[in-house]
Amino acid sequence: MNDGPRPPDPNDLTQPMPRVTPPPPPSRPAAGPGPGPAYGSVRPTGPYRHQFGNVPAYLLARLAAFAVDVPGVAFVLATFGFNAYDRGLFLIAGRDRAGFDTLALVALAAALAFAFLCEAIFGTTLGKLLFGLHTRRFDGKHPGVGRVLVRHLLRPLDVLLVGPLLALVTPRHQRVGDFAAGTVVSASPLRFFAPVVGILLCAAIGFAQVQYGGGLTSAIGVAAETGNYGPDAYAQLASLLGLGAAGAAVKPLASPAARVTPEATVAPAAAPSEEPATEPAAEPSAAGSVEPADDASPEATAGASDESPEPG
């Protein structure tokens, strides 16, 4: 009796071997905005975004920071040298033009070295702290000694108004030194604490200047010498650099008539004369007679009239 086809026997040697195919990989979702990484996970790093704030205020802050770091610090250091000369401790800068040039060069070199060390170590300077600025690389990291050295070596080119112009028109507000060194000056990571730290440092420097730098007396002396010899020195420096127009602009200030004397000169009072004052001579009257003096007594006047000769 035929019951139909029999099911394949699993033990039959002629049974074909089954094929096992691996499952397809799961499809990846399309890239798009989604939830951020969980707390504690590593966030992918992107380009650092420098913060500048209001551009005109930022450029004025950079200019003011330079004025504090170079002329301001140099002036304070010059007061120490001025006081040391008065005390006999610093004998290479006298009270003449050569002494002023020596003191100015030493103070300016010390101020530039101080700014370089502060920026190389901390990424900022005294002036930048006061105005909330910081020097970084493009990626936001510390600039390092080499990049800061390049910035400072190219500073003379920026002083000739090239730096402020480039900082105004470039996207990252960089000057020549920043382009060469690959640095950017942006907001300080200390935020509003940066000016507080700068003010505290200025207070400490002011206290040291009062104690060891002569205080207001040395400051007035340095200011007087700067007014006397500074315009002439600047005019000579401008002529050496080929900037005749800049030297001619300050030439009237370098004339001897425009110099300021450090101490006020007071005319001495006239000494009293030991000779007795003479009486004013009597003025003759219109009739030719002599009028008596104002202090003549009536008795003397009467005696003079009695002694007059009678007509014959």
Protein backbone atom coordinates (compact mmCIF):
# COMPACT_ATOMS: atom_id res chain seq x y z
CA MET A 1 0.00 0.00 0.00
CA ASN A 2 1.45 3.35 -1.02
CA ASP A 3 1.21 5.98 1.74
CA GLY A 4 2.90 8.80 -0.23
CA PRO A 5 6.44 10.15 -0.12
CA ARG A 6 8.30 9.43 3.00
CA PRO A 7 10.06 12.27 4.89
CA PRO A 8 13.82 12.40 4.43
CA ASP A 9 15.71 10.35 6.90
CA PRO A 10 18.16 12.58 8.88
CA ASN A 11 20.53 9.65 9.09
CA ASP A 12 20.60 9.14 5.37
CA LEU A 13 24.06 9.72 3.92
CA THR A 14 22.62 11.21 0.77
CA GLN A 15 20.98 14.05 2.74
CA PRO A 16 22.43 17.50 1.58
CA MET A 17 24.34 19.45 4.23
CA PRO A 18 22.45 22.58 5.36
CA ARG A 19 24.02 25.98 4.74
CA VAL A 20 24.16 28.56 7.51
CA THR A 21 24.35 32.21 6.42
CA PRO A 22 25.38 34.87 8.95
CA PRO A 23 22.82 37.54 9.77
CA PRO A 24 23.25 40.88 8.01
CA PRO A 25 24.90 43.67 10.04
CA PRO A 26 22.56 46.21 11.58
CA SER A 27 22.09 49.34 9.53
CA ARG A 28 23.63 52.58 10.91
CA PRO A 29 21.31 55.51 11.53
CA ALA A 30 21.72 58.58 9.35
CA ALA A 31 23.99 61.33 10.74
CA GLY A 32 22.08 64.19 12.25
CA PRO A 33 21.51 66.13 15.45
CA GLY A 34 20.93 63.94 18.42
CA PRO A 35 21.50 63.80 22.14
CA GLY A 36 25.00 64.62 23.33
CA PRO A 37 27.34 62.19 24.99
CA ALA A 38 26.57 60.96 28.44
CA TYR A 39 28.06 62.67 31.49
CA GLY A 40 31.66 61.61 32.02
CA SER A 41 32.25 60.50 28.43
CA VAL A 42 34.94 62.07 26.26
CA ARG A 43 33.57 64.91 24.17
CA PRO A 44 35.16 65.27 20.72
CA THR A 45 37.45 68.29 20.57
CA GLY A 46 36.91 71.00 17.97
CA PRO A 47 38.64 74.25 17.02
CA TYR A 48 39.11 76.66 19.90
CA ARG A 49 36.92 79.75 19.70
CA HIS A 50 38.64 82.92 20.84
CA GLN A 51 36.48 85.55 22.51
CA PHE A 52 37.05 89.22 21.74
CA GLY A 53 33.85 90.99 22.76
CA ASN A 54 33.33 94.51 21.48
CA VAL A 55 36.03 95.08 18.85
CA PRO A 56 36.73 98.83 19.48
CA ALA A 57 36.89 98.23 23.24
CA TYR A 58 39.12 95.21 22.64
CA LEU A 59 41.57 97.22 20.49
CA LEU A 60 41.66 100.05 23.05
CA ALA A 61 42.35 97.46 25.77
CA ARG A 62 45.30 96.08 23.80
CA LEU A 63 46.70 99.59 23.27
CA ALA A 64 46.31 100.42 26.96
CA ALA A 65 47.92 97.11 27.94
CA PHE A 66 50.95 97.96 25.78
CA ALA A 67 51.16 101.41 27.40
CA VAL A 68 51.25 99.79 30.84
CA ASP A 69 53.71 97.02 29.93
CA VAL A 70 56.34 99.11 28.15
CA PRO A 71 56.23 102.87 28.92
CA GLY A 72 54.52 102.46 32.31
CA VAL A 73 56.78 99.75 33.70
CA ALA A 74 59.85 101.49 32.22
CA PHE A 75 58.91 104.73 34.01
CA VAL A 76 58.55 102.93 37.35
CA LEU A 77 61.89 101.18 36.89
CA ALA A 78 63.50 104.51 35.98
CA THR A 79 62.38 105.95 39.33
CA PHE A 80 64.32 103.17 41.07
CA GLY A 81 67.41 104.09 39.07
CA PHE A 82 66.88 107.81 39.73
CA ASN A 83 66.67 107.20 43.48
CA ALA A 84 69.66 104.86 43.42
CA TYR A 85 71.76 107.56 41.75
CA ASP A 86 70.77 110.09 44.41
CA ARG A 87 71.85 107.63 47.09
CA GLY A 88 75.16 106.89 45.38
CA LEU A 89 74.27 103.31 44.38
CA PHE A 90 73.91 103.79 40.62
CA LEU A 91 76.60 105.98 39.11
CA ILE A 92 76.22 105.44 35.37
CA ALA A 93 73.34 107.87 34.76
CA GLY A 94 73.97 111.49 35.69
CA ARG A 95 71.66 114.48 35.51
CA ASP A 96 72.45 115.32 31.88
CA ARG A 97 71.46 114.16 28.42
CA ALA A 98 73.88 111.21 28.42
CA GLY A 99 72.63 110.10 31.82
CA PHE A 100 69.02 110.35 30.66
CA ASP A 101 69.75 108.23 27.59
CA THR A 102 71.47 105.57 29.70
CA LEU A 103 68.68 105.43 32.28
CA ALA A 104 65.99 105.34 29.60
CA LEU A 105 67.65 102.50 27.67
CA VAL A 106 68.21 100.42 30.82
CA ALA A 107 64.64 100.93 32.04
CA LEU A 108 63.14 100.19 28.61
CA ALA A 109 65.18 97.00 28.20
CA ALA A 110 64.18 95.84 31.68
CA ALA A 111 60.50 96.52 30.95
CA LEU A 112 60.62 94.53 27.69
CA ALA A 113 62.39 91.64 29.44
CA PHE A 114 59.80 91.66 32.23
CA ALA A 115 56.92 91.57 29.73
CA PHE A 116 58.58 88.72 27.79
CA LEU A 117 59.11 86.58 30.90
CA CYS A 118 55.57 87.11 32.16
CA GLU A 119 54.01 86.25 28.80
CA ALA A 120 56.30 83.24 28.27
CA ILE A 121 55.56 81.79 31.71
CA PHE A 122 51.96 82.82 32.41
CA GLY A 123 50.64 83.72 28.95
CA THR A 124 49.81 87.24 30.07
CA THR A 125 51.45 90.43 31.33
CA LEU A 126 50.65 93.10 33.89
CA GLY A 127 48.87 95.27 31.34
CA LYS A 128 46.95 92.34 29.86
CA LEU A 129 45.81 91.30 33.33
CA LEU A 130 44.49 94.79 34.02
CA PHE A 131 42.36 94.67 30.87
CA GLY A 132 41.41 90.98 30.91
CA LEU A 133 43.55 89.74 27.98
CA HIS A 134 45.54 86.55 27.41
CA THR A 135 47.89 85.25 24.70
CA ARG A 136 47.19 81.77 23.26
CA ARG A 137 47.90 79.62 20.25
CA PHE A 138 45.22 78.99 17.63
CA ASP A 139 44.09 75.86 19.49
CA GLY A 140 43.83 77.68 22.82
CA LYS A 141 46.98 76.20 24.36
CA HIS A 142 49.87 77.99 26.06
CA PRO A 143 52.02 79.88 23.52
CA GLY A 144 55.42 78.82 24.86
CA VAL A 145 58.76 80.60 24.94
CA GLY A 146 59.53 80.41 21.21
CA ARG A 147 56.26 81.93 20.01
CA VAL A 148 56.41 84.70 22.60
CA LEU A 149 59.98 85.49 21.57
CA VAL A 150 58.88 85.90 17.93
CA ARG A 151 56.05 88.21 19.02
CA HIS A 152 58.43 90.46 20.94
CA LEU A 153 61.11 90.53 18.26
CA LEU A 154 58.57 91.83 15.73
CA ARG A 155 57.09 94.40 18.11
CA PRO A 156 59.00 97.35 16.52
CA LEU A 157 57.09 96.77 13.27
CA ASP A 158 53.80 96.94 15.13
CA VAL A 159 54.72 100.18 16.86
CA LEU A 160 54.82 101.90 13.44
CA LEU A 161 50.98 101.76 13.26
CA VAL A 162 51.10 98.54 11.24
CA GLY A 163 50.03 96.40 14.18
CA PRO A 164 46.90 98.35 15.14
CA LEU A 165 45.77 98.46 11.51
CA LEU A 166 46.15 94.70 11.07
CA ALA A 167 44.44 94.03 14.40
CA LEU A 168 41.51 96.08 13.18
CA VAL A 169 40.94 94.42 9.79
CA THR A 170 42.00 90.77 10.31
CA PRO A 171 39.39 88.21 11.45
CA ARG A 172 41.31 87.18 14.57
CA HIS A 173 42.65 90.70 15.24
CA GLN A 174 46.29 89.71 14.88
CA ARG A 175 49.30 91.97 14.46
CA VAL A 176 52.52 91.13 12.61
CA GLY A 177 54.01 89.30 15.58
CA ASP A 178 50.85 87.24 16.03
CA PHE A 179 50.85 86.16 12.38
CA ALA A 180 54.49 85.10 12.54
CA ALA A 181 54.15 83.31 15.90
CA GLY A 182 50.71 81.78 15.30
CA THR A 183 49.19 83.39 18.39
CA VAL A 184 45.99 85.21 19.23
CA VAL A 185 45.28 87.69 22.03
CA SER A 186 41.76 87.11 23.36
CA ALA A 187 39.80 87.20 26.61
CA SER A 188 41.53 85.97 29.76
CA PRO A 189 40.44 82.63 31.24
CA LEU A 190 40.27 84.37 34.63
CA ARG A 191 37.40 86.50 33.32
CA PHE A 192 36.57 89.30 35.77
CA PHE A 193 39.20 88.07 38.25
CA ALA A 194 41.99 89.13 35.87
CA PRO A 195 41.63 92.90 36.55
CA VAL A 196 41.48 92.19 40.28
CA VAL A 197 44.79 90.32 40.14
CA GLY A 198 46.28 93.11 38.02
CA ILE A 199 45.20 95.80 40.49
CA LEU A 200 46.70 93.86 43.40
CA LEU A 201 50.00 93.52 41.53
CA CYS A 202 50.01 97.26 40.74
CA ALA A 203 49.41 98.03 44.42
CA ALA A 204 52.37 95.83 45.38
CA ILE A 205 54.60 97.54 42.80
CA GLY A 206 53.49 100.97 44.05
CA PHE A 207 54.30 100.02 47.63
CA ALA A 208 57.77 98.85 46.60
CA GLN A 209 58.32 102.08 44.66
CA VAL A 210 57.42 104.20 47.68
CA GLN A 211 59.68 102.17 49.97
CA TYR A 212 62.70 101.69 47.70
CA GLY A 213 62.19 103.89 44.64
CA GLY A 214 62.01 107.36 46.14
CA GLY A 215 58.24 107.77 45.92
CA LEU A 216 56.86 110.98 44.47
CA THR A 217 60.22 112.76 44.52
CA SER A 218 61.81 110.31 42.08
CA ALA A 219 58.68 110.27 39.92
CA ILE A 220 58.78 114.06 39.57
CA GLY A 221 62.51 113.96 38.81
CA VAL A 222 62.09 111.34 36.06
CA ALA A 223 59.16 113.28 34.61
CA ALA A 224 61.21 116.50 34.55
CA GLU A 225 64.15 114.80 32.80
CA THR A 226 61.76 113.21 30.31
CA GLY A 227 60.31 116.61 29.53
CA ASN A 228 63.79 118.12 29.12
CA TYR A 229 65.54 115.43 27.09
CA GLY A 230 62.80 113.11 25.84
CA PRO A 231 61.67 115.08 22.75
CA ASP A 232 65.25 115.59 21.59
CA ALA A 233 66.05 111.89 22.04
CA TYR A 234 62.88 110.91 20.17
CA ALA A 235 63.68 113.28 17.32
CA GLN A 236 67.16 111.79 16.93
CA LEU A 237 65.77 108.24 17.03
CA ALA A 238 63.17 109.10 14.39
CA SER A 239 65.84 110.57 12.14
CA LEU A 240 67.94 107.40 12.50
CA LEU A 241 64.93 105.27 11.51
CA GLY A 242 64.14 107.49 8.54
CA LEU A 243 60.98 108.97 10.07
CA GLY A 244 61.71 112.61 9.47
CA ALA A 245 58.07 113.67 9.79
CA ALA A 246 57.74 112.11 13.23
CA GLY A 247 60.92 113.82 14.39
CA ALA A 248 59.85 117.18 12.98
CA ALA A 249 56.54 116.94 14.88
CA VAL A 250 58.32 116.93 18.25
CA LYS A 251 61.20 119.22 17.25
CA PRO A 252 59.63 122.35 18.85
CA LEU A 253 59.39 120.47 22.14
CA ALA A 254 63.12 119.71 22.01
CA SER A 255 64.13 123.40 21.92
CA PRO A 256 65.83 124.82 25.03
CA ALA A 257 62.99 127.32 25.52
CA ALA A 258 60.50 124.48 26.00
CA ARG A 259 62.49 122.67 28.67
CA VAL A 260 61.14 122.36 32.18
CA THR A 261 63.27 123.11 35.19
CA PRO A 262 62.95 120.47 37.91
CA GLU A 263 62.90 122.95 40.79
CA ALA A 264 61.09 126.26 40.91
CA THR A 265 63.29 129.33 40.87
CA VAL A 266 62.24 132.17 43.17
CA ALA A 267 63.72 135.67 42.73
CA PRO A 268 65.49 136.77 45.95
CA ALA A 269 64.02 139.73 47.79
CA ALA A 270 65.92 143.04 47.60
CA ALA A 271 68.14 143.68 50.63
CA PRO A 272 67.18 146.74 52.67
CA SER A 273 69.47 149.74 52.13
CA GLU A 274 71.38 151.05 55.14
CA GLU A 275 71.46 154.68 53.84
CA PRO A 276 68.81 156.95 55.32
CA ALA A 277 66.01 157.97 53.07
CA THR A 278 66.40 161.49 51.75
CA GLU A 279 63.63 164.02 51.98
CA PRO A 280 62.09 165.00 48.67
CA ALA A 281 63.25 168.42 47.48
CA ALA A 282 60.82 171.27 47.80
CA GLU A 283 59.19 172.22 44.58
CA PRO A 284 59.31 175.85 43.53
CA SER A 285 56.01 177.67 43.28
CA ALA A 286 54.81 179.55 40.29
CA ALA A 287 55.99 182.92 41.79
CA GLY A 288 59.51 181.65 42.28
CA SER A 289 59.26 181.24 46.07
CA VAL A 290 60.12 178.01 47.78
CA GLU A 291 57.17 176.13 49.29
CA PRO A 292 57.78 174.60 52.69
CA ALA A 293 57.75 170.88 53.07
CA ASP A 294 54.57 169.14 54.17
CA ASP A 295 55.98 168.15 57.54
CA ALA A 296 57.30 171.68 58.36
CA SER A 297 55.92 173.02 61.64
CA PRO A 298 53.97 176.31 61.76
CA GLU A 299 56.64 177.86 64.05
CA ALA A 300 59.39 177.26 61.53
CA THR A 301 57.26 178.79 58.83
CA ALA A 302 56.64 181.88 60.93
CA GLY A 303 60.36 182.29 61.78
CA ALA A 304 61.26 182.15 58.17
CA SER A 305 58.80 184.91 57.34
CA ASP A 306 60.20 187.22 60.12
CA GLU A 307 63.74 186.95 58.86
CA SER A 308 62.85 188.07 55.36
CA PRO A 309 64.40 191.55 54.53
CA GLU A 310 62.12 194.54 54.57
CA PRO A 311 61.97 196.71 51.53
CA GLY A 312 64.25 199.85 51.81
